[in-house]
Amino acid sequence: MARVIVDVMLKPEILDPQGQAIVGACGRLGFPGVTQVRQGKRFEVELEGEADEAKLAEVRKLAETLLANPVIEDFTLRVE
């Protein structure tokens, strides 16, 4: 069994209001050195068998069509 991690983040040019709210809360909670936070999502996809190129292509298609919004988000894949 293989596990593929899909990390989804907003594109750099997209405003991240949740990240900004976290930065504001950091200062109030005693973490004054935090200057920027970008919030994202992590998906762990378990596959039968090994994570060969064909299966990684399937997970990439899954990420493009379901896990991420390609208009405003980027994603990366890695095998664990």
Protein backbone atom coordinates (compact mmCIF):
# COMPACT_ATOMS: atom_id res chain seq x y z
CA MET A 1 0.00 0.00 0.00
CA ALA A 2 1.25 3.47 -0.84
CA ARG A 3 0.30 6.82 0.63
CA VAL A 4 0.35 9.99 -1.46
CA ILE A 5 0.22 13.34 0.30
CA VAL A 6 -1.52 16.15 -1.56
CA ASP A 7 -0.79 19.62 -0.16
CA VAL A 8 -3.12 22.35 -1.41
CA MET A 9 -2.30 26.03 -0.92
CA LEU A 10 -3.77 29.27 -2.18
CA LYS A 11 -1.78 30.78 -5.02
CA PRO A 12 0.58 33.52 -3.79
CA GLU A 13 -1.44 36.26 -5.48
CA ILE A 14 -4.69 35.19 -3.76
CA LEU A 15 -5.58 36.98 -0.51
CA ASP A 16 -5.68 34.63 2.50
CA PRO A 17 -8.06 36.19 5.06
CA GLN A 18 -7.82 33.20 7.40
CA GLY A 19 -4.04 33.45 7.39
CA GLN A 20 -4.28 37.17 8.14
CA ALA A 21 -6.64 36.47 11.04
CA ILE A 22 -4.14 33.96 12.45
CA VAL A 23 -1.33 36.54 12.23
CA GLY A 24 -3.49 39.01 14.16
CA ALA A 25 -4.27 36.41 16.82
CA CYS A 26 -0.58 35.49 17.15
CA GLY A 27 0.29 38.99 18.31
CA ARG A 28 -2.53 39.00 20.85
CA LEU A 29 -1.53 35.57 22.16
CA GLY A 30 2.10 36.41 22.74
CA PHE A 31 3.73 35.36 19.45
CA PRO A 32 4.90 38.75 18.17
CA GLY A 33 7.47 37.42 15.67
CA VAL A 34 4.90 35.89 13.30
CA THR A 35 4.63 38.12 10.23
CA GLN A 36 2.77 35.93 7.72
CA VAL A 37 0.64 32.78 7.70
CA ARG A 38 -0.78 31.00 4.65
CA GLN A 39 -3.45 28.44 5.43
CA GLY A 40 -3.84 25.30 3.31
CA LYS A 41 -5.16 21.75 3.20
CA ARG A 42 -3.45 18.34 3.37
CA PHE A 43 -4.96 15.16 1.96
CA GLU A 44 -3.58 11.65 2.55
CA VAL A 45 -4.59 9.33 -0.29
CA GLU A 46 -3.92 5.62 0.23
CA LEU A 47 -3.51 3.46 -2.87
CA GLU A 48 -3.47 -0.27 -3.46
CA GLY A 49 -0.02 -1.46 -4.50
CA GLU A 50 2.95 0.76 -5.31
CA ALA A 51 2.73 4.43 -6.28
CA ASP A 52 3.95 4.09 -9.87
CA GLU A 53 3.70 6.82 -12.50
CA ALA A 54 0.22 5.71 -13.63
CA LYS A 55 -1.19 5.85 -10.10
CA LEU A 56 0.48 9.21 -9.43
CA ALA A 57 -1.13 10.51 -12.61
CA GLU A 58 -4.51 9.36 -11.26
CA VAL A 59 -3.94 11.16 -7.95
CA ARG A 60 -2.81 14.27 -9.86
CA LYS A 61 -6.08 14.16 -11.85
CA LEU A 62 -8.01 13.68 -8.57
CA ALA A 63 -6.30 16.74 -7.12
CA GLU A 64 -7.00 18.82 -10.23
CA THR A 65 -10.69 17.91 -10.37
CA LEU A 66 -11.75 17.43 -6.74
CA LEU A 67 -9.20 18.34 -4.07
CA ALA A 68 -8.01 21.72 -5.37
CA ASN A 69 -9.55 24.63 -7.23
CA PRO A 70 -6.93 25.25 -9.94
CA VAL A 71 -8.14 28.82 -10.45
CA ILE A 72 -7.05 29.92 -6.96
CA GLU A 73 -5.01 27.00 -5.55
CA ASP A 74 -1.79 25.15 -6.31
CA PHE A 75 -1.05 21.61 -5.15
CA THR A 76 1.94 19.33 -4.73
CA LEU A 77 2.16 15.54 -4.49
CA ARG A 78 4.64 13.44 -2.56
CA VAL A 79 4.79 9.75 -1.77
CA GLU A 80 5.25 8.65 1.84
